[in-house]
Protein backbone atom coordinates (compact mmCIF):
# COMPACT_ATOMS: atom_id res chain seq x y z
CA MET A 1 -0.20 -0.51 -0.27
CA LEU A 2 1.13 3.27 -0.76
CA PHE A 3 0.71 6.75 1.31
CA ASN A 4 1.43 9.36 -0.52
CA PRO A 5 3.42 12.13 2.11
CA THR A 6 1.13 14.49 2.88
CA THR A 7 0.35 15.30 7.23
CA PHE A 8 -3.44 14.63 8.50
CA GLN A 9 -5.48 15.86 12.40
CA CYS A 10 -6.32 13.33 14.42
CA SER A 11 -9.10 14.84 16.98
CA THR A 12 -6.38 15.90 19.62
CA TYR A 13 -4.60 17.64 16.97
CA LYS A 14 -1.43 16.19 16.98
CA ARG A 15 -0.29 15.71 13.63
CA PHE A 16 0.39 12.05 12.04
CA ASN A 17 2.50 11.98 9.55
CA ALA A 18 1.91 9.64 6.61
CA THR A 19 4.38 9.05 4.55
CA ALA A 20 5.30 5.64 5.37
CA THR A 21 4.79 3.51 2.07
CA ILE A 22 2.67 0.39 3.86
CA GLU A 23 3.58 -2.74 1.82
CA ARG A 24 1.87 -5.35 4.03
CA PHE A 25 -1.23 -4.78 6.46
CA GLU A 26 0.79 -6.08 9.46
CA GLU A 27 2.66 -3.07 9.30
CA LEU A 28 -0.22 -0.47 9.65
CA GLU A 29 -0.69 0.45 13.31
CA VAL A 30 -4.28 0.12 13.74
CA TRP A 31 -4.28 -3.52 12.65
CA LYS A 32 -1.18 -4.00 15.51
CA THR A 33 -4.49 -2.22 18.09
CA ALA A 34 -6.70 -4.68 16.41
CA ARG A 35 -3.98 -7.43 17.29
CA LYS A 36 -3.27 -6.24 21.49
CA LEU A 37 -7.20 -5.27 21.73
CA ILE A 38 -7.92 -9.96 20.16
CA ASN A 39 -5.41 -10.65 22.77
CA ARG A 40 -6.68 -8.50 24.82
CA VAL A 41 -10.24 -10.31 25.04
CA TYR A 42 -9.05 -13.81 24.72
CA GLU A 43 -7.24 -13.40 27.31
CA HIS A 44 -10.32 -12.31 29.54
CA THR A 45 -12.51 -14.17 27.66
CA GLN A 46 -10.53 -17.31 29.40
CA GLN A 47 -11.56 -16.37 33.09
CA GLU A 48 -14.83 -17.95 35.58
CA PRO A 49 -17.12 -16.48 35.36
CA PHE A 50 -17.36 -14.76 31.37
CA ALA A 51 -15.34 -18.34 29.97
CA LYS A 52 -18.59 -20.23 30.85
CA ASP A 53 -20.79 -17.18 29.84
CA PHE A 54 -20.44 -18.89 26.35
CA GLY A 55 -23.10 -16.53 24.45
CA LEU A 56 -20.68 -13.49 24.95
CA ARG A 57 -17.31 -15.04 25.27
CA ASP A 58 -18.42 -15.76 21.53
CA GLN A 59 -19.39 -13.07 20.41
CA ILE A 60 -17.31 -10.90 22.07
CA GLN A 61 -14.54 -13.11 20.80
CA ARG A 62 -15.56 -13.18 16.60
CA ALA A 63 -16.18 -8.93 17.06
CA SER A 64 -12.42 -8.85 18.57
CA VAL A 65 -11.18 -10.84 14.83
CA SER A 66 -13.55 -9.37 12.84
CA VAL A 67 -11.70 -5.97 13.30
CA MET A 68 -8.77 -7.76 12.87
CA SER A 69 -9.87 -9.43 10.33
CA ASN A 70 -11.51 -7.35 8.17
CA ILE A 71 -8.55 -4.74 8.18
CA ALA A 72 -6.51 -7.30 6.51
CA GLU A 73 -8.99 -8.24 3.76
CA GLY A 74 -9.52 -4.88 2.66
CA PHE A 75 -5.84 -4.12 2.78
CA GLU A 76 -5.67 -7.42 0.29
CA SER A 77 -8.53 -5.95 -1.64
CA ARG A 78 -8.29 -5.09 -5.56
CA THR A 79 -9.78 -1.33 -5.15
CA GLN A 80 -9.42 1.56 -2.75
CA SER A 81 -13.25 1.85 -2.48
CA ILE A 82 -13.22 -1.80 -0.56
CA PHE A 83 -10.62 -1.52 1.54
CA VAL A 84 -12.63 2.15 2.68
CA ASP A 85 -15.45 -0.48 3.15
CA HIS A 86 -13.77 -3.49 4.80
CA LEU A 87 -12.33 -0.14 7.76
CA GLY A 88 -16.07 0.56 7.78
CA ARG A 89 -16.92 -3.23 8.74
CA ALA A 90 -13.79 -2.99 10.84
CA ARG A 91 -14.84 -0.03 12.86
CA GLY A 92 -18.50 -1.65 13.62
CA SER A 93 -16.98 -4.10 15.22
CA ALA A 94 -14.69 -2.28 17.07
CA GLY A 95 -17.63 -0.57 18.10
CA LYS A 96 -19.59 -3.81 19.47
CA VAL A 97 -16.43 -5.01 21.07
CA ARG A 98 -16.73 -1.89 23.54
CA ALA A 99 -20.73 -2.30 23.49
CA GLN A 100 -20.13 -5.89 24.76
CA LEU A 101 -17.42 -5.03 27.47
CA TYR A 102 -20.46 -2.94 29.35
CA VAL A 103 -22.39 -6.32 29.25
CA ALA A 104 -19.16 -8.36 30.80
CA SER A 105 -18.27 -5.19 32.85
CA ASP A 106 -22.36 -5.25 33.85
CA GLN A 107 -22.22 -8.95 34.76
CA GLY A 108 -19.43 -8.70 36.92
CA TYR A 109 -17.06 -10.04 34.51
CA LEU A 110 -14.21 -7.41 34.57
CA SER A 111 -12.65 -5.11 36.70
CA ASP A 112 -13.32 -1.15 36.65
CA ALA A 113 -9.94 -1.64 35.33
CA GLU A 114 -10.02 -4.78 32.98
CA PHE A 115 -13.30 -2.90 31.45
CA GLU A 116 -11.34 0.68 31.00
CA ALA A 117 -8.32 -0.64 29.57
CA THR A 118 -9.29 -2.95 27.36
CA TYR A 119 -13.03 -0.34 26.35
CA ASP A 120 -9.14 2.58 25.43
CA LEU A 121 -7.82 -0.64 23.09
CA ALA A 122 -10.90 -1.01 21.27
CA ASP A 123 -11.59 2.99 21.30
CA LYS A 124 -8.78 3.44 19.40
CA ALA A 125 -8.92 1.30 17.50
CA SER A 126 -11.94 2.38 15.93
CA ARG A 127 -10.49 6.06 16.45
CA GLN A 128 -7.37 4.88 13.96
CA LEU A 129 -9.83 3.37 12.15
CA PHE A 130 -11.79 6.42 10.95
CA ARG A 131 -8.70 8.17 10.77
CA LEU A 132 -7.30 6.00 8.13
CA ILE A 133 -10.42 6.08 6.41
CA GLN A 134 -10.69 9.94 5.65
CA TYR A 135 -7.71 9.42 4.70
CA LEU A 136 -8.28 6.71 2.17
CA GLU A 137 -11.33 9.16 1.45
CA SER A 138 -9.00 12.08 0.61
CA LYS A 139 -6.44 10.54 -2.10
CA PRO A 140 -9.59 8.62 -3.94
CA ASN A 141 -6.95 8.54 -7.09
CA ALA A 142 -4.65 7.13 -5.06
CA SER A 143 -2.47 5.06 -5.99
CA ARG A 144 -2.54 2.39 -2.77
CA VAL A 145 -0.99 -0.88 -4.16
CA GLN A 146 2.27 -1.19 -5.73
CA GLU A 147 4.05 -4.01 -6.91
CA LYS A 148 7.78 -4.27 -6.35
CA SER A 149 10.03 -5.51 -9.75
CA VAL A 150 8.52 -8.44 -10.28
CA GLU A 151 9.17 -10.53 -13.48
CA TYR A 152 6.83 -12.87 -14.86
CA GLN A 153 7.95 -15.23 -17.26
CA ILE A 154 4.92 -17.00 -20.00
CA ASN A 155 6.71 -20.26 -22.34
CA LEU A 156 4.98 -20.40 -25.13
CA ASP A 157 6.50 -23.30 -26.81
CA THR A 158 4.31 -25.89 -24.23
CA PRO A 159 2.16 -27.80 -25.92
CA GLU A 160 -1.37 -27.40 -25.03
C-alpha cells in the first residue's frame, strides 16, 4: 500500500506524518492495535466466570477478530473503495466490542481496570480506523498498491 506524503490531524490536533509506504497489512498501526485488542479479549474471556457465558464470550471474541480480519481483508482487496468498506466494517466491529464490554462489566466479569483498559484499546482502534478512512477518502485516486519488481515468465513453446 502506498501512502502519498502528506500530513493529517487527528482529534487531539497532534500532527501525524503518513509518508511511509505500507506493503503489508501487518505494518498498519491500526492492525497492531486490533491484534492487541484480540489478545486482551481472549485473556479476559478465558477467565471464570466470563468463560462460562458462552454466548457473550463467543460474540465478543468474534467481534474482536472481525476488527483485525476486516483490516487485513480490505488491505488485500482489489480497490481502495473495497478497502474503505472493510475498514468501515472493522470500525463497526470495534463498536460492537465496546458495547459487549459494557455487558461483561455489568455482569461482573471484568474489574473496572480491566474494562477501562480493554475499552480504551477498542476505542483507539475505532479512532485509528476513522482517521485512516478519512485519509483514504481524501485521496480517492491515490495509488494504494504497489508491486515490487516482479518478473512474470510465460513459456510459449509449451504444447497445450
